[in-house]
């Protein structure tokens, strides 16, 4: 199963909008405006776990955990993209 572009777009835009970060919304629209897909089922599970960690931290109003989770997600995405 391929992780859907629409689900990723919705997740990232919701986080950026909740943060009231207009610039990030613009950047994400540029990134997700491109027609691309994510990788394998394993990649899907990794992304979903990362997203869940971020959302749980936000819902729990734990800013430090949210920041750590987001930084870990960004570093992991950067590393995985470099491996492509």
PDB file of N, CA and C in Angstrom:
ATOM      1  N   UNK A   1       0.847  -1.180   0.000  1.00  0.00           N
ATOM      2  CA  UNK A   1       0.000   0.000   0.000  1.00  0.00           C
ATOM      3  C   UNK A   1       0.895   1.247   0.000  1.00  0.00           C
ATOM      4  N   UNK A   2       0.561   2.222  -0.774  1.00  0.00           N
ATOM      5  CA  UNK A   2       1.301   3.478  -0.866  1.00  0.00           C
ATOM      6  C   UNK A   2       0.624   4.511   0.029  1.00  0.00           C
ATOM      7  N   UNK A   3       1.406   5.223   0.811  1.00  0.00           N
ATOM      8  CA  UNK A   3       0.865   6.284   1.656  1.00  0.00           C
ATOM      9  C   UNK A   3       0.342   7.379   0.752  1.00  0.00           C
ATOM     10  N   UNK A   4      -0.877   7.805   0.971  1.00  0.00           N
ATOM     11  CA  UNK A   4      -1.491   8.728   0.022  1.00  0.00           C
ATOM     12  C   UNK A   4      -0.953  10.150   0.169  1.00  0.00           C
ATOM     13  N   UNK A   5      -0.768  10.765  -0.947  1.00  0.00           N
ATOM     14  CA  UNK A   5      -0.328  12.154  -0.989  1.00  0.00           C
ATOM     15  C   UNK A   5      -1.362  13.042  -0.312  1.00  0.00           C
ATOM     16  N   UNK A   6      -2.637  12.738  -0.519  1.00  0.00           N
ATOM     17  CA  UNK A   6      -3.694  13.560   0.066  1.00  0.00           C
ATOM     18  C   UNK A   6      -3.644  13.512   1.593  1.00  0.00           C
ATOM     19  N   UNK A   7      -3.441  12.328   2.160  1.00  0.00           N
ATOM     20  CA  UNK A   7      -3.368  12.210   3.624  1.00  0.00           C
ATOM     21  C   UNK A   7      -2.174  12.986   4.167  1.00  0.00           C
ATOM     22  N   UNK A   8      -1.036  12.882   3.513  1.00  0.00           N
ATOM     23  CA  UNK A   8       0.159  13.619   3.945  1.00  0.00           C
ATOM     24  C   UNK A   8      -0.073  15.124   3.838  1.00  0.00           C
ATOM     25  N   UNK A   9      -0.659  15.541   2.742  1.00  0.00           N
ATOM     26  CA  UNK A   9      -0.948  16.974   2.537  1.00  0.00           C
ATOM     27  C   UNK A   9      -1.876  17.478   3.647  1.00  0.00           C
ATOM     28  N   UNK A  10      -2.937  16.758   3.906  1.00  0.00           N
ATOM     29  CA  UNK A  10      -3.893  17.184   4.927  1.00  0.00           C
ATOM     30  C   UNK A  10      -3.232  17.278   6.303  1.00  0.00           C
ATOM     31  N   UNK A  11      -2.425  16.274   6.640  1.00  0.00           N
ATOM     32  CA  UNK A  11      -1.751  16.284   7.937  1.00  0.00           C
ATOM     33  C   UNK A  11      -0.846  17.505   8.074  1.00  0.00           C
ATOM     34  N   UNK A  12       0.028  17.696   7.111  1.00  0.00           N
ATOM     35  CA  UNK A  12       0.997  18.785   7.197  1.00  0.00           C
ATOM     36  C   UNK A  12       0.325  20.156   7.172  1.00  0.00           C
ATOM     37  N   UNK A  13      -0.676  20.324   6.344  1.00  0.00           N
ATOM     38  CA  UNK A  13      -1.378  21.605   6.289  1.00  0.00           C
ATOM     39  C   UNK A  13      -2.147  21.876   7.575  1.00  0.00           C
ATOM     40  N   UNK A  14      -2.719  20.842   8.177  1.00  0.00           N
ATOM     41  CA  UNK A  14      -3.451  21.016   9.441  1.00  0.00           C
ATOM     42  C   UNK A  14      -2.502  21.472  10.547  1.00  0.00           C
ATOM     43  N   UNK A  15      -1.318  20.875  10.615  1.00  0.00           N
ATOM     44  CA  UNK A  15      -0.342  21.272  11.634  1.00  0.00           C
ATOM     45  C   UNK A  15       0.117  22.707  11.389  1.00  0.00           C
ATOM     46  N   UNK A  16       0.427  23.039  10.151  1.00  0.00           N
ATOM     47  CA  UNK A  16       0.879  24.398   9.836  1.00  0.00           C
ATOM     48  C   UNK A  16      -0.216  25.428  10.122  1.00  0.00           C
ATOM     49  N   UNK A  17      -1.453  25.092   9.769  1.00  0.00           N
ATOM     50  CA  UNK A  17      -2.574  26.003  10.013  1.00  0.00           C
ATOM     51  C   UNK A  17      -2.807  26.178  11.515  1.00  0.00           C
ATOM     52  N   UNK A  18      -2.729  25.084  12.273  1.00  0.00           N
ATOM     53  CA  UNK A  18      -2.921  25.167  13.724  1.00  0.00           C
ATOM     54  C   UNK A  18      -1.851  26.048  14.363  1.00  0.00           C
ATOM     55  N   UNK A  19      -0.654  26.026  13.782  1.00  0.00           N
ATOM     56  CA  UNK A  19       0.446  26.853  14.278  1.00  0.00           C
ATOM     57  C   UNK A  19       0.331  28.291  13.769  1.00  0.00           C
ATOM     58  N   UNK A  20      -0.648  28.539  12.900  1.00  0.00           N
ATOM     59  CA  UNK A  20      -0.850  29.855  12.288  1.00  0.00           C
ATOM     60  C   UNK A  20       0.395  30.330  11.558  1.00  0.00           C
ATOM     61  N   UNK A  21       1.042  29.381  10.881  1.00  0.00           N
ATOM     62  CA  UNK A  21       2.288  29.651  10.171  1.00  0.00           C
ATOM     63  C   UNK A  21       1.986  29.754   8.678  1.00  0.00           C
ATOM     64  N   UNK A  22       1.657  30.948   8.241  1.00  0.00           N
ATOM     65  CA  UNK A  22       1.257  31.190   6.862  1.00  0.00           C
ATOM     66  C   UNK A  22       2.378  30.837   5.885  1.00  0.00           C
ATOM     67  N   UNK A  23       3.600  31.166   6.239  1.00  0.00           N
ATOM     68  CA  UNK A  23       4.736  30.881   5.360  1.00  0.00           C
ATOM     69  C   UNK A  23       4.904  29.376   5.159  1.00  0.00           C
ATOM     70  N   UNK A  24       4.765  28.612   6.245  1.00  0.00           N
ATOM     71  CA  UNK A  24       4.886  27.160   6.136  1.00  0.00           C
ATOM     72  C   UNK A  24       3.762  26.586   5.273  1.00  0.00           C
ATOM     73  N   UNK A  25       2.562  27.123   5.409  1.00  0.00           N
ATOM     74  CA  UNK A  25       1.450  26.675   4.560  1.00  0.00           C
ATOM     75  C   UNK A  25       1.812  26.893   3.096  1.00  0.00           C
ATOM     76  N   UNK A  26       2.369  28.054   2.772  1.00  0.00           N
ATOM     77  CA  UNK A  26       2.763  28.346   1.390  1.00  0.00           C
ATOM     78  C   UNK A  26       3.832  27.363   0.903  1.00  0.00           C
ATOM     79  N   UNK A  27       4.814  27.103   1.738  1.00  0.00           N
ATOM     80  CA  UNK A  27       5.882  26.170   1.367  1.00  0.00           C
ATOM     81  C   UNK A  27       5.310  24.781   1.127  1.00  0.00           C
ATOM     82  N   UNK A  28       4.453  24.333   2.040  1.00  0.00           N
ATOM     83  CA  UNK A  28       3.859  22.999   1.906  1.00  0.00           C
ATOM     84  C   UNK A  28       2.998  22.885   0.659  1.00  0.00           C
ATOM     85  N   UNK A  29       2.290  23.942   0.328  1.00  0.00           N
ATOM     86  CA  UNK A  29       1.475  23.917  -0.894  1.00  0.00           C
ATOM     87  C   UNK A  29       2.372  23.734  -2.112  1.00  0.00           C
ATOM     88  N   UNK A  30       3.553  24.346  -2.083  1.00  0.00           N
ATOM     89  CA  UNK A  30       4.501  24.163  -3.172  1.00  0.00           C
ATOM     90  C   UNK A  30       5.032  22.742  -3.231  1.00  0.00           C
ATOM     91  N   UNK A  31       5.368  22.195  -2.080  1.00  0.00           N
ATOM     92  CA  UNK A  31       5.890  20.823  -2.029  1.00  0.00           C
ATOM     93  C   UNK A  31       4.826  19.832  -2.473  1.00  0.00           C
ATOM     94  N   UNK A  32       3.640  19.948  -1.908  1.00  0.00           N
ATOM     95  CA  UNK A  32       2.596  18.974  -2.190  1.00  0.00           C
ATOM     96  C   UNK A  32       1.848  19.259  -3.481  1.00  0.00           C
ATOM     97  N   UNK A  33       2.186  20.371  -4.128  1.00  0.00           N
ATOM     98  CA  UNK A  33       1.596  20.643  -5.423  1.00  0.00           C
ATOM     99  C   UNK A  33       2.176  19.744  -6.501  1.00  0.00           C
ATOM    100  N   UNK A  34       3.349  19.179  -6.192  1.00  0.00           N
ATOM    101  CA  UNK A  34       3.995  18.270  -7.133  1.00  0.00           C
ATOM    102  C   UNK A  34       3.338  16.908  -7.038  1.00  0.00           C
ATOM    103  N   UNK A  35       3.256  16.226  -8.135  1.00  0.00           N
ATOM    104  CA  UNK A  35       2.617  14.916  -8.156  1.00  0.00           C
ATOM    105  C   UNK A  35       3.645  13.853  -7.802  1.00  0.00           C
ATOM    106  N   UNK A  36       3.629  13.425  -6.542  1.00  0.00           N
ATOM    107  CA  UNK A  36       4.550  12.377  -6.137  1.00  0.00           C
ATOM    108  C   UNK A  36       3.861  11.457  -5.138  1.00  0.00           C
ATOM    109  N   UNK A  37       4.492  10.305  -4.907  1.00  0.00           N
ATOM    110  CA  UNK A  37       3.958   9.322  -3.965  1.00  0.00           C
ATOM    111  C   UNK A  37       5.061   8.901  -3.017  1.00  0.00           C
ATOM    112  N   UNK A  38       4.632   8.430  -1.874  1.00  0.00           N
ATOM    113  CA  UNK A  38       5.586   7.930  -0.895  1.00  0.00           C
ATOM    114  C   UNK A  38       5.876   6.477  -1.196  1.00  0.00           C
ATOM    115  N   UNK A  39       6.767   5.894  -0.443  1.00  0.00           N
ATOM    116  CA  UNK A  39       7.277   4.564  -0.723  1.00  0.00           C
ATOM    117  C   UNK A  39       6.433   3.400  -0.291  1.00  0.00           C
ATOM    118  N   UNK A  40       7.082   2.455   0.297  1.00  0.00           N
ATOM    119  CA  UNK A  40       6.529   1.140   0.609  1.00  0.00           C
ATOM    120  C   UNK A  40       5.564   1.171   1.787  1.00  0.00           C
ATOM    121  N   UNK A  41       4.996  -0.007   2.062  1.00  0.00           N
ATOM    122  CA  UNK A  41       4.126  -0.165   3.228  1.00  0.00           C
ATOM    123  C   UNK A  41       4.910   0.112   4.509  1.00  0.00           C
ATOM    124  N   UNK A  42       6.189  -0.286   4.528  1.00  0.00           N
ATOM    125  CA  UNK A  42       7.030  -0.014   5.700  1.00  0.00           C
ATOM    126  C   UNK A  42       7.173   1.498   5.897  1.00  0.00           C
ATOM    127  N   UNK A  43       7.405   2.215   4.815  1.00  0.00           N
ATOM    128  CA  UNK A  43       7.507   3.677   4.876  1.00  0.00           C
ATOM    129  C   UNK A  43       6.202   4.285   5.386  1.00  0.00           C
ATOM    130  N   UNK A  44       5.093   3.755   4.907  1.00  0.00           N
ATOM    131  CA  UNK A  44       3.783   4.235   5.361  1.00  0.00           C
ATOM    132  C   UNK A  44       3.661   4.091   6.873  1.00  0.00           C
ATOM    133  N   UNK A  45       4.034   2.940   7.408  1.00  0.00           N
ATOM    134  CA  UNK A  45       3.924   2.704   8.845  1.00  0.00           C
ATOM    135  C   UNK A  45       4.842   3.629   9.641  1.00  0.00           C
ATOM    136  N   UNK A  46       6.034   3.872   9.115  1.00  0.00           N
ATOM    137  CA  UNK A  46       6.963   4.790   9.791  1.00  0.00           C
ATOM    138  C   UNK A  46       6.367   6.190   9.839  1.00  0.00           C
ATOM    139  N   UNK A  47       5.852   6.661   8.703  1.00  0.00           N
ATOM    140  CA  UNK A  47       5.258   8.000   8.654  1.00  0.00           C
ATOM    141  C   UNK A  47       4.056   8.103   9.571  1.00  0.00           C
ATOM    142  N   UNK A  48       3.200   7.103   9.552  1.00  0.00           N
ATOM    143  CA  UNK A  48       2.011   7.137  10.412  1.00  0.00           C
ATOM    144  C   UNK A  48       2.403   7.191  11.883  1.00  0.00           C
ATOM    145  N   UNK A  49       3.435   6.440  12.277  1.00  0.00           N
ATOM    146  CA  UNK A  49       3.900   6.461  13.660  1.00  0.00           C
ATOM    147  C   UNK A  49       4.449   7.854  14.013  1.00  0.00           C
ATOM    148  N   UNK A  50       5.225   8.428  13.091  1.00  0.00           N
ATOM    149  CA  UNK A  50       5.759   9.769  13.339  1.00  0.00           C
ATOM    150  C   UNK A  50       4.635  10.787  13.464  1.00  0.00           C
ATOM    151  N   UNK A  51       3.662  10.714  12.572  1.00  0.00           N
ATOM    152  CA  UNK A  51       2.524  11.634  12.623  1.00  0.00           C
ATOM    153  C   UNK A  51       1.748  11.466  13.925  1.00  0.00           C
ATOM    154  N   UNK A  52       1.520  10.215  14.321  1.00  0.00           N
ATOM    155  CA  UNK A  52       0.771   9.946  15.554  1.00  0.00           C
ATOM    156  C   UNK A  52       1.488  10.562  16.754  1.00  0.00           C
ATOM    157  N   UNK A  53       2.807  10.419  16.812  1.00  0.00           N
ATOM    158  CA  UNK A  53       3.581  10.992  17.918  1.00  0.00           C
ATOM    159  C   UNK A  53       3.428  12.512  17.963  1.00  0.00           C
ATOM    160  N   UNK A  54       3.487  13.136  16.809  1.00  0.00           N
ATOM    161  CA  UNK A  54       3.357  14.593  16.733  1.00  0.00           C
ATOM    162  C   UNK A  54       1.964  15.023  17.173  1.00  0.00           C
ATOM    163  N   UNK A  55       0.946  14.365  16.645  1.00  0.00           N
ATOM    164  CA  UNK A  55      -0.439  14.723  16.974  1.00  0.00           C
ATOM    165  C   UNK A  55      -0.713  14.520  18.460  1.00  0.00           C
ATOM    166  N   UNK A  56      -0.249  13.414  19.020  1.00  0.00           N
ATOM    167  CA  UNK A  56      -0.467  13.162  20.448  1.00  0.00           C
ATOM    168  C   UNK A  56       0.175  14.250  21.300  1.00  0.00           C
ATOM    169  N   UNK A  57       1.362  14.678  20.925  1.00  0.00           N
ATOM    170  CA  UNK A  57       2.031  15.742  21.673  1.00  0.00           C
ATOM    171  C   UNK A  57       1.260  17.055  21.564  1.00  0.00           C
ATOM    172  N   UNK A  58       0.767  17.363  20.378  1.00  0.00           N
ATOM    173  CA  UNK A  58      -0.012  18.590  20.186  1.00  0.00           C
ATOM    174  C   UNK A  58      -1.304  18.517  20.987  1.00  0.00           C
ATOM    175  N   UNK A  59      -2.012  17.397  20.874  1.00  0.00           N
ATOM    176  CA  UNK A  59      -3.266  17.241  21.621  1.00  0.00           C
ATOM    177  C   UNK A  59      -3.044  17.309  23.126  1.00  0.00           C
ATOM    178  N   UNK A  60      -1.907  16.788  23.575  1.00  0.00           N
ATOM    179  CA  UNK A  60      -1.572  16.833  24.994  1.00  0.00           C
ATOM    180  C   UNK A  60      -0.983  18.165  25.436  1.00  0.00           C
ATOM    181  N   UNK A  61      -0.888  19.078  24.496  1.00  0.00           N
ATOM    182  CA  UNK A  61      -0.337  20.416  24.751  1.00  0.00           C
ATOM    183  C   UNK A  61       1.072  20.344  25.354  1.00  0.00           C
ATOM    184  N   UNK A  62       1.824  19.369  24.870  1.00  0.00           N
ATOM    185  CA  UNK A  62       3.201  19.168  25.320  1.00  0.00           C
ATOM    186  C   UNK A  62       4.130  19.717  24.236  1.00  0.00           C
ATOM    187  N   UNK A  63       4.437  21.005  24.357  1.00  0.00           N
ATOM    188  CA  UNK A  63       5.219  21.692  23.324  1.00  0.00           C
ATOM    189  C   UNK A  63       6.610  21.087  23.145  1.00  0.00           C
ATOM    190  N   UNK A  64       7.238  20.694  24.242  1.00  0.00           N
ATOM    191  CA  UNK A  64       8.583  20.125  24.143  1.00  0.00           C
ATOM    192  C   UNK A  64       8.557  18.783  23.413  1.00  0.00           C
ATOM    193  N   UNK A  65       7.578  17.948  23.736  1.00  0.00           N
ATOM    194  CA  UNK A  65       7.463  16.656  23.055  1.00  0.00           C
ATOM    195  C   UNK A  65       7.106  16.859  21.583  1.00  0.00           C
ATOM    196  N   UNK A  66       6.224  17.816  21.304  1.00  0.00           N
ATOM    197  CA  UNK A  66       5.850  18.095  19.921  1.00  0.00           C
ATOM    198  C   UNK A  66       7.068  18.542  19.122  1.00  0.00           C
ATOM    199  N   UNK A  67       7.872  19.396  19.727  1.00  0.00           N
ATOM    200  CA  UNK A  67       9.084  19.879  19.049  1.00  0.00           C
ATOM    201  C   UNK A  67      10.064  18.725  18.796  1.00  0.00           C
ATOM    202  N   UNK A  68      10.285  17.886  19.807  1.00  0.00           N
ATOM    203  CA  UNK A  68      11.185  16.743  19.640  1.00  0.00           C
ATOM    204  C   UNK A  68      10.672  15.791  18.560  1.00  0.00           C
ATOM    205  N   UNK A  69       9.360  15.526  18.594  1.00  0.00           N
ATOM    206  CA  UNK A  69       8.765  14.613  17.609  1.00  0.00           C
ATOM    207  C   UNK A  69       8.877  15.178  16.197  1.00  0.00           C
ATOM    208  N   UNK A  70       8.663  16.474  16.066  1.00  0.00           N
ATOM    209  CA  UNK A  70       8.735  17.102  14.747  1.00  0.00           C
ATOM    210  C   UNK A  70      10.175  17.116  14.247  1.00  0.00           C
ATOM    211  N   UNK A  71      11.112  17.431  15.113  1.00  0.00           N
ATOM    212  CA  UNK A  71      12.523  17.436  14.707  1.00  0.00           C
ATOM    213  C   UNK A  71      12.971  16.037  14.289  1.00  0.00           C
ATOM    214  N   UNK A  72      12.527  15.025  15.043  1.00  0.00           N
ATOM    215  CA  UNK A  72      12.871  13.644  14.703  1.00  0.00           C
ATOM    216  C   UNK A  72      12.261  13.269  13.346  1.00  0.00           C
ATOM    217  N   UNK A  73      11.021  13.668  13.130  1.00  0.00           N
ATOM    218  CA  UNK A  73      10.348  13.393  11.856  1.00  0.00           C
ATOM    219  C   UNK A  73      11.101  14.048  10.696  1.00  0.00           C
ATOM    220  N   UNK A  74      11.458  15.314  10.850  1.00  0.00           N
ATOM    221  CA  UNK A  74      12.158  16.023   9.775  1.00  0.00           C
ATOM    222  C   UNK A  74      13.526  15.409   9.498  1.00  0.00           C
ATOM    223  N   UNK A  75      14.243  15.050  10.554  1.00  0.00           N
ATOM    224  CA  UNK A  75      15.557  14.422  10.365  1.00  0.00           C
ATOM    225  C   UNK A  75      15.409  13.070   9.673  1.00  0.00           C
ATOM    226  N   UNK A  76      14.400  12.301  10.072  1.00  0.00           N
ATOM    227  CA  UNK A  76      14.179  10.988   9.454  1.00  0.00           C
ATOM    228  C   UNK A  76      13.781  11.118   7.987  1.00  0.00           C
ATOM    229  N   UNK A  77      12.923  12.074   7.685  1.00  0.00           N
ATOM    230  CA  UNK A  77      12.517  12.288   6.285  1.00  0.00           C
ATOM    231  C   UNK A  77      13.731  12.707   5.460  1.00  0.00           C
ATOM    232  N   UNK A  78      14.526  13.627   6.004  1.00  0.00           N
ATOM    233  CA  UNK A  78      15.728  14.072   5.288  1.00  0.00           C
ATOM    234  C   UNK A  78      16.656  12.893   5.000  1.00  0.00           C
ATOM    235  N   UNK A  79      16.864  12.035   6.012  1.00  0.00           N
ATOM    236  CA  UNK A  79      17.731  10.873   5.839  1.00  0.00           C
ATOM    237  C   UNK A  79      17.155   9.906   4.796  1.00  0.00           C
ATOM    238  N   UNK A  80      15.844   9.650   4.881  1.00  0.00           N
ATOM    239  CA  UNK A  80      15.234   8.719   3.918  1.00  0.00           C
ATOM    240  C   UNK A  80      15.274   9.273   2.499  1.00  0.00           C
ATOM    241  N   UNK A  81      15.093  10.592   2.362  1.00  0.00           N
ATOM    242  CA  UNK A  81      15.124  11.196   1.024  1.00  0.00           C
ATOM    243  C   UNK A  81      16.538  11.138   0.454  1.00  0.00           C
ATOM    244  N   UNK A  82      17.541  11.281   1.317  1.00  0.00           N
ATOM    245  CA  UNK A  82      18.937  11.227   0.880  1.00  0.00           C
ATOM    246  C   UNK A  82      19.291   9.813   0.396  1.00  0.00           C
ATOM    247  N   UNK A  83      18.602   8.820   0.947  1.00  0.00           N
ATOM    248  CA  UNK A  83      18.852   7.421   0.563  1.00  0.00           C
ATOM    249  C   UNK A  83      18.222   7.051  -0.765  1.00  0.00           C
ATOM    250  N   UNK A  84      17.362   7.920  -1.291  1.00  0.00           N
ATOM    251  CA  UNK A  84      16.684   7.594  -2.561  1.00  0.00           C
ATOM    252  C   UNK A  84      17.634   7.637  -3.734  1.00  0.00           C
TER     253      UNK A  84
END
